[in-house]
Amino acid sequence: MALALYATGRFTEALPHFVAVVGTWPKSPHAHYYLGHTYMALERPKDARHEFLTVLKLDREASRDPEVLCDMGQACKEAGSLGEAEGYFRRALRLDALSYRAWHGLGSIAAAQGRKTVARRHFEHMLAKCARSPRERAGAHAALGKLALESGDVDEARIEFTKALQLNPANSIALTGLRRLRETNAR
């Protein structure tokens, strides 16, 4: 039941079922993993961090899985623990140097810390080396566009957002960025 609700995006309804599963099987890393993802979907990164940390404690192989490490990094980042998040993203990169999610996480952290040059370098690397699908390439362009917009480079932002939307017309970051640019021009 929990997985079916989760798969259809009904995270609030899935939550008590996953909590019950974890209560029944507290040593199941898979149960904690899905509960962690449910918490992330519900924008509860501190709770997700706890569940992903439990996964890492219960399953030694999880600490060698770049995706699990990126999940942990993302939860830490969203919970505001940027240093801890950076550590998990770097561990993921030691296991998979082409991890799109890890490079994106490091770029986002650098941007949040005001290290725009470092953030740009991470996003450009992500675009050149890691983005395998049109959706990932769109995400990289959108990240570069957002960074340019935050740096005041309106022309570069417009170019990057446009490239993102050519690859993925539903990219929410690019759509929001272009809307902000139009609103700024209308004033």
N, C-alpha and C. Protein backbone atom coordinates (compact mmCIF):
# COMPACT_ATOMS: atom_id res chain seq x y z
N MET A 1 0.82 -1.20 0.00
CA MET A 1 0.00 0.00 0.00
C MET A 1 0.87 1.26 0.00
N ALA A 2 1.90 1.28 0.87
CA ALA A 2 2.76 2.46 0.97
C ALA A 2 3.44 2.75 -0.36
N LEU A 3 3.98 1.73 -1.01
CA LEU A 3 4.67 1.93 -2.29
C LEU A 3 3.71 2.42 -3.37
N ALA A 4 2.51 1.89 -3.38
CA ALA A 4 1.52 2.31 -4.38
C ALA A 4 1.17 3.79 -4.18
N LEU A 5 0.97 4.19 -2.95
CA LEU A 5 0.68 5.60 -2.67
C LEU A 5 1.86 6.48 -3.04
N TYR A 6 3.05 6.04 -2.70
CA TYR A 6 4.27 6.78 -3.02
C TYR A 6 4.41 6.94 -4.53
N ALA A 7 4.22 5.86 -5.26
CA ALA A 7 4.38 5.86 -6.72
C ALA A 7 3.41 6.79 -7.42
N THR A 8 2.28 7.05 -6.79
CA THR A 8 1.29 7.95 -7.40
C THR A 8 1.37 9.36 -6.83
N GLY A 9 2.43 9.64 -6.07
CA GLY A 9 2.64 10.98 -5.55
C GLY A 9 1.77 11.35 -4.36
N ARG A 10 1.17 10.36 -3.73
CA ARG A 10 0.30 10.62 -2.57
C ARG A 10 1.13 10.43 -1.29
N PHE A 11 2.10 11.34 -1.12
CA PHE A 11 3.11 11.19 -0.07
C PHE A 11 2.53 11.34 1.34
N THR A 12 1.61 12.26 1.52
CA THR A 12 1.00 12.45 2.83
C THR A 12 0.28 11.18 3.28
N GLU A 13 -0.40 10.53 2.34
CA GLU A 13 -1.11 9.29 2.65
C GLU A 13 -0.13 8.13 2.84
N ALA A 14 0.98 8.16 2.12
CA ALA A 14 1.97 7.08 2.22
C ALA A 14 2.74 7.14 3.54
N LEU A 15 2.91 8.33 4.08
CA LEU A 15 3.76 8.51 5.26
C LEU A 15 3.41 7.59 6.43
N PRO A 16 2.17 7.54 6.91
CA PRO A 16 1.90 6.67 8.06
C PRO A 16 2.15 5.18 7.76
N HIS A 17 1.97 4.80 6.51
CA HIS A 17 2.23 3.40 6.14
C HIS A 17 3.73 3.09 6.21
N PHE A 18 4.56 4.03 5.71
CA PHE A 18 6.01 3.81 5.80
C PHE A 18 6.49 3.85 7.24
N VAL A 19 5.91 4.74 8.05
CA VAL A 19 6.26 4.79 9.48
C VAL A 19 5.92 3.45 10.13
N ALA A 20 4.78 2.87 9.77
CA ALA A 20 4.38 1.57 10.32
C ALA A 20 5.34 0.47 9.86
N VAL A 21 5.75 0.52 8.59
CA VAL A 21 6.69 -0.48 8.08
C VAL A 21 8.02 -0.40 8.84
N VAL A 22 8.50 0.82 9.05
CA VAL A 22 9.76 1.00 9.80
C VAL A 22 9.58 0.51 11.23
N GLY A 23 8.40 0.73 11.81
CA GLY A 23 8.14 0.23 13.17
C GLY A 23 8.14 -1.28 13.23
N THR A 24 7.65 -1.91 12.19
CA THR A 24 7.60 -3.37 12.14
C THR A 24 8.97 -3.97 11.80
N TRP A 25 9.68 -3.33 10.89
CA TRP A 25 11.00 -3.81 10.45
C TRP A 25 12.04 -2.71 10.62
N PRO A 26 12.41 -2.39 11.86
CA PRO A 26 13.34 -1.27 12.10
C PRO A 26 14.74 -1.49 11.53
N LYS A 27 15.08 -2.72 11.21
CA LYS A 27 16.42 -3.01 10.66
C LYS A 27 16.41 -3.09 9.13
N SER A 28 15.31 -2.72 8.50
CA SER A 28 15.21 -2.76 7.05
C SER A 28 15.70 -1.45 6.44
N PRO A 29 16.86 -1.47 5.78
CA PRO A 29 17.33 -0.23 5.16
C PRO A 29 16.38 0.26 4.07
N HIS A 30 15.72 -0.67 3.37
CA HIS A 30 14.79 -0.26 2.32
C HIS A 30 13.60 0.51 2.89
N ALA A 31 13.10 0.08 4.02
CA ALA A 31 11.98 0.79 4.66
C ALA A 31 12.40 2.21 5.03
N HIS A 32 13.58 2.34 5.63
CA HIS A 32 14.07 3.68 6.01
C HIS A 32 14.33 4.54 4.76
N TYR A 33 14.82 3.90 3.71
CA TYR A 33 15.11 4.63 2.47
C TYR A 33 13.83 5.24 1.89
N TYR A 34 12.78 4.44 1.79
CA TYR A 34 11.52 4.97 1.26
C TYR A 34 10.90 6.00 2.19
N LEU A 35 11.03 5.79 3.48
CA LEU A 35 10.53 6.79 4.42
C LEU A 35 11.30 8.10 4.25
N GLY A 36 12.61 7.99 4.06
CA GLY A 36 13.42 9.19 3.82
C GLY A 36 12.98 9.94 2.56
N HIS A 37 12.72 9.20 1.50
CA HIS A 37 12.26 9.85 0.26
C HIS A 37 10.87 10.46 0.43
N THR A 38 10.05 9.82 1.22
CA THR A 38 8.72 10.38 1.49
C THR A 38 8.86 11.69 2.24
N TYR A 39 9.73 11.72 3.24
CA TYR A 39 9.98 12.97 3.97
C TYR A 39 10.51 14.06 3.04
N MET A 40 11.40 13.69 2.11
CA MET A 40 11.91 14.69 1.17
C MET A 40 10.77 15.24 0.32
N ALA A 41 9.90 14.37 -0.16
CA ALA A 41 8.77 14.81 -0.98
C ALA A 41 7.84 15.73 -0.19
N LEU A 42 7.78 15.54 1.12
CA LEU A 42 6.93 16.36 1.98
C LEU A 42 7.68 17.57 2.55
N GLU A 43 8.89 17.81 2.01
CA GLU A 43 9.72 18.95 2.42
C GLU A 43 10.03 18.91 3.92
N ARG A 44 10.43 17.73 4.36
CA ARG A 44 10.86 17.54 5.75
C ARG A 44 12.28 16.96 5.72
N PRO A 45 13.26 17.78 5.29
CA PRO A 45 14.62 17.27 5.08
C PRO A 45 15.32 16.80 6.36
N LYS A 46 15.01 17.38 7.50
CA LYS A 46 15.66 16.91 8.74
C LYS A 46 15.23 15.48 9.06
N ASP A 47 13.95 15.20 8.86
CA ASP A 47 13.47 13.83 9.08
C ASP A 47 14.08 12.89 8.04
N ALA A 48 14.18 13.36 6.80
CA ALA A 48 14.78 12.54 5.73
C ALA A 48 16.24 12.26 6.05
N ARG A 49 16.96 13.27 6.54
CA ARG A 49 18.36 13.09 6.90
C ARG A 49 18.50 11.97 7.93
N HIS A 50 17.63 11.97 8.91
CA HIS A 50 17.66 10.92 9.95
C HIS A 50 17.47 9.53 9.32
N GLU A 51 16.51 9.42 8.41
CA GLU A 51 16.24 8.12 7.78
C GLU A 51 17.39 7.67 6.89
N PHE A 52 17.95 8.59 6.11
CA PHE A 52 19.08 8.22 5.25
C PHE A 52 20.31 7.86 6.08
N LEU A 53 20.49 8.54 7.19
CA LEU A 53 21.60 8.19 8.09
C LEU A 53 21.40 6.78 8.65
N THR A 54 20.17 6.44 8.96
CA THR A 54 19.85 5.09 9.42
C THR A 54 20.17 4.06 8.34
N VAL A 55 19.84 4.39 7.09
CA VAL A 55 20.17 3.49 5.97
C VAL A 55 21.67 3.24 5.93
N LEU A 56 22.45 4.31 6.06
CA LEU A 56 23.91 4.18 6.00
C LEU A 56 24.45 3.34 7.15
N LYS A 57 23.80 3.42 8.31
CA LYS A 57 24.23 2.63 9.47
C LYS A 57 23.85 1.15 9.31
N LEU A 58 22.69 0.90 8.72
CA LEU A 58 22.18 -0.47 8.60
C LEU A 58 22.80 -1.25 7.44
N ASP A 59 23.18 -0.55 6.40
CA ASP A 59 23.62 -1.22 5.17
C ASP A 59 24.98 -0.68 4.74
N ARG A 60 26.03 -1.46 4.96
CA ARG A 60 27.39 -1.02 4.61
C ARG A 60 27.51 -0.70 3.11
N GLU A 61 26.80 -1.44 2.29
CA GLU A 61 26.86 -1.20 0.84
C GLU A 61 26.29 0.17 0.47
N ALA A 62 25.35 0.66 1.24
CA ALA A 62 24.76 1.97 0.96
C ALA A 62 25.81 3.08 0.99
N SER A 63 26.81 2.92 1.84
CA SER A 63 27.85 3.95 1.93
C SER A 63 28.76 3.93 0.70
N ARG A 64 28.59 2.93 -0.16
CA ARG A 64 29.34 2.85 -1.42
C ARG A 64 28.45 3.11 -2.63
N ASP A 65 27.25 3.59 -2.37
CA ASP A 65 26.29 3.87 -3.44
C ASP A 65 26.19 5.39 -3.63
N PRO A 66 26.68 5.91 -4.76
CA PRO A 66 26.64 7.36 -4.96
C PRO A 66 25.24 7.96 -4.88
N GLU A 67 24.23 7.20 -5.30
CA GLU A 67 22.86 7.73 -5.24
C GLU A 67 22.39 7.92 -3.79
N VAL A 68 22.70 6.96 -2.94
CA VAL A 68 22.32 7.07 -1.53
C VAL A 68 23.07 8.25 -0.90
N LEU A 69 24.36 8.38 -1.23
CA LEU A 69 25.14 9.49 -0.69
C LEU A 69 24.60 10.83 -1.19
N CYS A 70 24.15 10.87 -2.43
CA CYS A 70 23.54 12.10 -2.95
C CYS A 70 22.20 12.38 -2.27
N ASP A 71 21.43 11.33 -1.99
CA ASP A 71 20.18 11.53 -1.25
C ASP A 71 20.48 12.17 0.11
N MET A 72 21.49 11.64 0.78
CA MET A 72 21.88 12.17 2.09
C MET A 72 22.37 13.61 1.94
N GLY A 73 23.19 13.86 0.93
CA GLY A 73 23.67 15.22 0.69
C GLY A 73 22.54 16.19 0.44
N GLN A 74 21.57 15.78 -0.35
CA GLN A 74 20.43 16.65 -0.65
C GLN A 74 19.62 16.94 0.61
N ALA A 75 19.40 15.92 1.43
CA ALA A 75 18.65 16.13 2.67
C ALA A 75 19.40 17.10 3.58
N CYS A 76 20.70 16.92 3.71
CA CYS A 76 21.51 17.82 4.54
C CYS A 76 21.47 19.24 3.99
N LYS A 77 21.60 19.37 2.67
CA LYS A 77 21.58 20.70 2.04
C LYS A 77 20.25 21.40 2.32
N GLU A 78 19.16 20.68 2.11
CA GLU A 78 17.85 21.29 2.32
C GLU A 78 17.56 21.56 3.80
N ALA A 79 18.24 20.84 4.68
CA ALA A 79 18.09 21.08 6.11
C ALA A 79 18.99 22.21 6.59
N GLY A 80 19.84 22.72 5.68
CA GLY A 80 20.71 23.83 6.03
C GLY A 80 22.09 23.45 6.52
N SER A 81 22.42 22.17 6.49
CA SER A 81 23.73 21.70 6.92
C SER A 81 24.64 21.59 5.69
N LEU A 82 25.09 22.74 5.20
CA LEU A 82 25.80 22.78 3.93
C LEU A 82 27.15 22.07 3.98
N GLY A 83 27.88 22.21 5.07
CA GLY A 83 29.17 21.52 5.19
C GLY A 83 29.01 20.02 5.17
N GLU A 84 28.03 19.53 5.90
CA GLU A 84 27.76 18.09 5.92
C GLU A 84 27.32 17.62 4.53
N ALA A 85 26.46 18.40 3.89
CA ALA A 85 25.99 18.05 2.54
C ALA A 85 27.16 17.97 1.58
N GLU A 86 28.05 18.94 1.64
CA GLU A 86 29.21 18.95 0.75
C GLU A 86 30.04 17.68 0.93
N GLY A 87 30.20 17.25 2.18
CA GLY A 87 30.94 16.02 2.44
C GLY A 87 30.32 14.80 1.77
N TYR A 88 29.01 14.69 1.82
CA TYR A 88 28.34 13.55 1.18
C TYR A 88 28.43 13.62 -0.34
N PHE A 89 28.29 14.83 -0.90
CA PHE A 89 28.42 14.95 -2.36
C PHE A 89 29.85 14.60 -2.80
N ARG A 90 30.83 15.02 -2.03
CA ARG A 90 32.22 14.69 -2.39
C ARG A 90 32.49 13.19 -2.28
N ARG A 91 31.91 12.55 -1.27
CA ARG A 91 32.04 11.08 -1.17
C ARG A 91 31.42 10.41 -2.38
N ALA A 92 30.28 10.92 -2.82
CA ALA A 92 29.63 10.35 -4.01
C ALA A 92 30.54 10.51 -5.23
N LEU A 93 31.21 11.64 -5.35
CA LEU A 93 32.09 11.87 -6.50
C LEU A 93 33.33 10.97 -6.46
N ARG A 94 33.77 10.61 -5.27
CA ARG A 94 34.90 9.67 -5.20
C ARG A 94 34.51 8.31 -5.75
N LEU A 95 33.23 7.98 -5.67
CA LEU A 95 32.73 6.71 -6.19
C LEU A 95 32.31 6.80 -7.66
N ASP A 96 31.83 7.97 -8.06
CA ASP A 96 31.38 8.18 -9.44
C ASP A 96 31.69 9.63 -9.82
N ALA A 97 32.81 9.83 -10.47
CA ALA A 97 33.27 11.17 -10.81
C ALA A 97 32.33 11.90 -11.76
N LEU A 98 31.41 11.17 -12.38
CA LEU A 98 30.47 11.77 -13.32
C LEU A 98 29.05 11.86 -12.75
N SER A 99 28.94 11.87 -11.44
CA SER A 99 27.61 11.94 -10.82
C SER A 99 27.01 13.33 -11.01
N TYR A 100 26.00 13.40 -11.86
CA TYR A 100 25.29 14.65 -12.13
C TYR A 100 24.76 15.26 -10.84
N ARG A 101 24.13 14.42 -10.03
CA ARG A 101 23.52 14.92 -8.79
C ARG A 101 24.56 15.48 -7.82
N ALA A 102 25.72 14.83 -7.75
CA ALA A 102 26.76 15.32 -6.83
C ALA A 102 27.32 16.65 -7.31
N TRP A 103 27.61 16.78 -8.61
CA TRP A 103 28.10 18.05 -9.13
C TRP A 103 27.05 19.14 -8.96
N HIS A 104 25.79 18.81 -9.20
CA HIS A 104 24.71 19.80 -9.02
C HIS A 104 24.63 20.23 -7.56
N GLY A 105 24.72 19.27 -6.65
CA GLY A 105 24.69 19.60 -5.23
C GLY A 105 25.83 20.51 -4.83
N LEU A 106 27.05 20.19 -5.28
CA LEU A 106 28.20 21.04 -4.96
C LEU A 106 28.05 22.43 -5.55
N GLY A 107 27.54 22.51 -6.77
CA GLY A 107 27.32 23.82 -7.38
C GLY A 107 26.28 24.64 -6.62
N SER A 108 25.22 23.99 -6.21
CA SER A 108 24.17 24.68 -5.45
C SER A 108 24.68 25.18 -4.11
N ILE A 109 25.50 24.36 -3.46
CA ILE A 109 26.07 24.78 -2.17
C ILE A 109 27.00 25.98 -2.37
N ALA A 110 27.87 25.90 -3.37
CA ALA A 110 28.78 27.01 -3.64
C ALA A 110 28.00 28.29 -3.93
N ALA A 111 26.92 28.18 -4.72
CA ALA A 111 26.10 29.36 -5.02
C ALA A 111 25.47 29.92 -3.75
N ALA A 112 24.95 29.05 -2.90
CA ALA A 112 24.32 29.49 -1.65
C ALA A 112 25.33 30.18 -0.72
N GLN A 113 26.59 29.77 -0.83
CA GLN A 113 27.64 30.37 0.01
C GLN A 113 28.25 31.61 -0.64
N GLY A 114 27.74 31.99 -1.81
CA GLY A 114 28.25 33.18 -2.49
C GLY A 114 29.51 32.94 -3.29
N ARG A 115 29.90 31.70 -3.46
CA ARG A 115 31.10 31.37 -4.23
C ARG A 115 30.67 31.11 -5.68
N LYS A 116 30.32 32.20 -6.36
CA LYS A 116 29.73 32.13 -7.70
C LYS A 116 30.67 31.51 -8.73
N THR A 117 31.96 31.84 -8.66
CA THR A 117 32.91 31.29 -9.64
C THR A 117 33.02 29.78 -9.49
N VAL A 118 33.08 29.31 -8.25
CA VAL A 118 33.14 27.87 -8.00
C VAL A 118 31.85 27.20 -8.46
N ALA A 119 30.73 27.82 -8.15
CA ALA A 119 29.43 27.27 -8.56
C ALA A 119 29.36 27.15 -10.08
N ARG A 120 29.78 28.20 -10.77
CA ARG A 120 29.75 28.18 -12.24
C ARG A 120 30.63 27.05 -12.78
N ARG A 121 31.81 26.89 -12.19
CA ARG A 121 32.72 25.83 -12.64
C ARG A 121 32.08 24.45 -12.46
N HIS A 122 31.41 24.25 -11.31
CA HIS A 122 30.73 22.97 -11.07
C HIS A 122 29.61 22.75 -12.07
N PHE A 123 28.80 23.77 -12.32
CA PHE A 123 27.69 23.62 -13.25
C PHE A 123 28.18 23.41 -14.68
N GLU A 124 29.24 24.10 -15.07
CA GLU A 124 29.79 23.90 -16.41
C GLU A 124 30.37 22.50 -16.57
N HIS A 125 31.04 22.02 -15.51
CA HIS A 125 31.55 20.65 -15.55
C HIS A 125 30.39 19.66 -15.68
N MET A 126 29.36 19.90 -14.90
CA MET A 126 28.17 19.04 -14.93
C MET A 126 27.59 18.99 -16.35
N LEU A 127 27.52 20.14 -17.01
CA LEU A 127 26.98 20.21 -18.36
C LEU A 127 27.90 19.50 -19.36
N ALA A 128 29.18 19.74 -19.26
CA ALA A 128 30.13 19.19 -20.24
C ALA A 128 30.38 17.70 -20.07
N LYS A 129 30.40 17.22 -18.83
CA LYS A 129 30.85 15.85 -18.59
C LYS A 129 29.78 14.90 -18.06
N CYS A 130 28.78 15.42 -17.39
CA CYS A 130 27.89 14.54 -16.63
C CYS A 130 26.46 14.46 -17.16
N ALA A 131 25.99 15.51 -17.79
CA ALA A 131 24.60 15.56 -18.23
C ALA A 131 24.41 14.60 -19.40
N ARG A 132 23.70 13.51 -19.15
CA ARG A 132 23.56 12.46 -20.16
C ARG A 132 22.27 12.57 -20.97
N SER A 133 21.26 13.13 -20.37
CA SER A 133 19.96 13.19 -21.04
C SER A 133 19.60 14.65 -21.32
N PRO A 134 18.63 14.89 -22.21
CA PRO A 134 18.18 16.27 -22.44
C PRO A 134 17.68 16.92 -21.15
N ARG A 135 17.03 16.13 -20.31
CA ARG A 135 16.52 16.69 -19.04
C ARG A 135 17.67 17.15 -18.15
N GLU A 136 18.74 16.35 -18.08
CA GLU A 136 19.90 16.74 -17.27
C GLU A 136 20.60 17.95 -17.87
N ARG A 137 20.75 17.98 -19.20
CA ARG A 137 21.38 19.14 -19.84
C ARG A 137 20.54 20.40 -19.59
N ALA A 138 19.22 20.25 -19.65
CA ALA A 138 18.33 21.38 -19.35
C ALA A 138 18.54 21.84 -17.91
N GLY A 139 18.67 20.89 -17.00
CA GLY A 139 18.90 21.25 -15.60
C GLY A 139 20.20 22.01 -15.40
N ALA A 140 21.23 21.61 -16.13
CA ALA A 140 22.52 22.30 -16.04
C ALA A 140 22.40 23.72 -16.59
N HIS A 141 21.74 23.88 -17.74
CA HIS A 141 21.55 25.23 -18.29
C HIS A 141 20.71 26.08 -17.35
N ALA A 142 19.69 25.49 -16.75
CA ALA A 142 18.84 26.25 -15.82
C ALA A 142 19.64 26.69 -14.60
N ALA A 143 20.50 25.80 -14.10
CA ALA A 143 21.35 26.17 -12.95
C ALA A 143 22.28 27.31 -13.32
N LEU A 144 22.87 27.25 -14.52
CA LEU A 144 23.74 28.34 -14.98
C LEU A 144 22.94 29.63 -15.16
N GLY A 145 21.72 29.50 -15.66
CA GLY A 145 20.86 30.67 -15.82
C GLY A 145 20.51 31.31 -14.49
N LYS A 146 20.16 30.49 -13.52
CA LYS A 146 19.82 31.01 -12.19
C LYS A 146 21.03 31.70 -11.56
N LEU A 147 22.19 31.11 -11.72
CA LEU A 147 23.41 31.70 -11.20
C LEU A 147 23.69 33.04 -11.88
N ALA A 148 23.53 33.09 -13.19
CA ALA A 148 23.74 34.35 -13.92
C ALA A 148 22.74 35.41 -13.48
N LEU A 149 21.49 35.03 -13.30
CA LEU A 149 20.47 35.98 -12.87
C LEU A 149 20.81 36.53 -11.49
N GLU A 150 21.21 35.65 -10.58
CA GLU A 150 21.58 36.08 -9.23
C GLU A 150 22.82 36.98 -9.23
N SER A 151 23.65 36.83 -10.26
CA SER A 151 24.86 37.65 -10.39
C SER A 151 24.60 38.94 -11.16
N GLY A 152 23.38 39.10 -11.66
CA GLY A 152 23.02 40.31 -12.39
C GLY A 152 23.31 40.28 -13.88
N ASP A 153 23.72 39.15 -14.40
CA ASP A 153 24.01 39.02 -15.83
C ASP A 153 22.74 38.56 -16.54
N VAL A 154 21.89 39.53 -16.84
CA VAL A 154 20.57 39.26 -17.40
C VAL A 154 20.65 38.59 -18.77
N ASP A 155 21.56 39.05 -19.60
CA ASP A 155 21.67 38.48 -20.95
C ASP A 155 22.08 37.01 -20.89
N GLU A 156 23.09 36.70 -20.07
CA GLU A 156 23.54 35.31 -19.92
C GLU A 156 22.42 34.45 -19.34
N ALA A 157 21.69 35.00 -18.37
CA ALA A 157 20.58 34.26 -17.76
C ALA A 157 19.55 33.90 -18.82
N ARG A 158 19.19 34.88 -19.65
CA ARG A 158 18.18 34.64 -20.70
C ARG A 158 18.65 33.55 -21.66
N ILE A 159 19.93 33.59 -22.05
CA ILE A 159 20.48 32.59 -22.96
C ILE A 159 20.40 31.19 -22.34
N GLU A 160 20.83 31.07 -21.09
CA GLU A 160 20.83 29.76 -20.43
C GLU A 160 19.42 29.23 -20.21
N PHE A 161 18.52 30.11 -19.77
CA PHE A 161 17.13 29.66 -19.56
C PHE A 161 16.49 29.22 -20.87
N THR A 162 16.79 29.93 -21.95
CA THR A 162 16.25 29.57 -23.26
C THR A 162 16.78 28.21 -23.71
N LYS A 163 18.08 27.98 -23.52
CA LYS A 163 18.66 26.68 -23.86
C LYS A 163 17.99 25.57 -23.04
N ALA A 164 17.75 25.85 -21.76
CA ALA A 164 17.11 24.85 -20.90
C ALA A 164 15.72 24.49 -21.43
N LEU A 165 14.96 25.50 -21.81
CA LEU A 165 13.60 25.25 -22.27
C LEU A 165 13.55 24.59 -23.64
N GLN A 166 14.57 24.80 -24.45
CA GLN A 166 14.64 24.09 -25.73
C GLN A 166 14.81 22.59 -25.50
N LEU A 167 15.53 22.24 -24.45
CA LEU A 167 15.77 20.83 -24.13
C LEU A 167 14.63 20.23 -23.32
N ASN A 168 14.03 21.04 -22.46
CA ASN A 168 12.95 20.56 -21.59
C ASN A 168 11.97 21.71 -21.36
N PRO A 169 10.92 21.81 -22.15
CA PRO A 169 9.98 22.93 -22.03
C PRO A 169 9.29 23.03 -20.67
N ALA A 170 9.38 21.99 -19.86
CA ALA A 170 8.73 22.01 -18.55
C ALA A 170 9.70 22.34 -17.41
N ASN A 171 10.94 22.73 -17.71
CA ASN A 171 11.91 23.01 -16.66
C ASN A 171 11.44 24.20 -15.83
N SER A 172 11.08 23.93 -14.59
CA SER A 172 10.46 24.96 -13.74
C SER A 172 11.43 26.08 -13.38
N ILE A 173 12.71 25.78 -13.22
CA ILE A 173 13.67 26.83 -12.89
C ILE A 173 13.81 27.81 -14.05
N ALA A 174 13.91 27.29 -15.27
CA ALA A 174 14.01 28.16 -16.44
C ALA A 174 12.72 28.96 -16.65
N LEU A 175 11.58 28.31 -16.48
CA LEU A 175 10.30 29.02 -16.63
C LEU A 175 10.18 30.16 -15.62
N THR A 176 10.53 29.88 -14.37
CA THR A 176 10.48 30.90 -13.33
C THR A 176 11.48 32.02 -13.62
N GLY A 177 12.68 31.64 -14.05
CA GLY A 177 13.71 32.64 -14.35
C GLY A 177 13.30 33.56 -15.47
N LEU A 178 12.77 33.01 -16.55
CA LEU A 178 12.32 33.85 -17.67
C LEU A 178 11.15 34.73 -17.26
N ARG A 179 10.26 34.21 -16.41
CA ARG A 179 9.15 35.03 -15.92
C ARG A 179 9.68 36.21 -15.11
N ARG A 180 10.67 35.94 -14.25
CA ARG A 180 11.28 37.03 -13.47
C ARG A 180 11.92 38.07 -14.39
N LEU A 181 12.58 37.61 -15.44
CA LEU A 181 13.19 38.55 -16.39
C LEU A 181 12.14 39.41 -17.09
N ARG A 182 11.02 38.79 -17.50
CA ARG A 182 9.94 39.55 -18.15
C ARG A 182 9.34 40.56 -17.18
N GLU A 183 9.13 40.16 -15.93
CA GLU A 183 8.57 41.07 -14.93
C GLU A 183 9.50 42.25 -14.68
N THR A 184 10.79 41.98 -14.66
CA THR A 184 11.78 43.05 -14.45
C THR A 184 11.77 44.01 -15.63
N ASN A 185 11.66 43.49 -16.85
CA ASN A 185 11.62 44.34 -18.05
C ASN A 185 10.34 45.15 -18.11
N ALA A 186 9.24 44.63 -17.58
CA ALA A 186 7.95 45.32 -17.63
C ALA A 186 7.92 46.53 -16.70
N ARG A 187 8.81 46.55 -15.73
CA ARG A 187 8.78 47.68 -14.76
C ARG A 187 9.40 48.91 -15.32
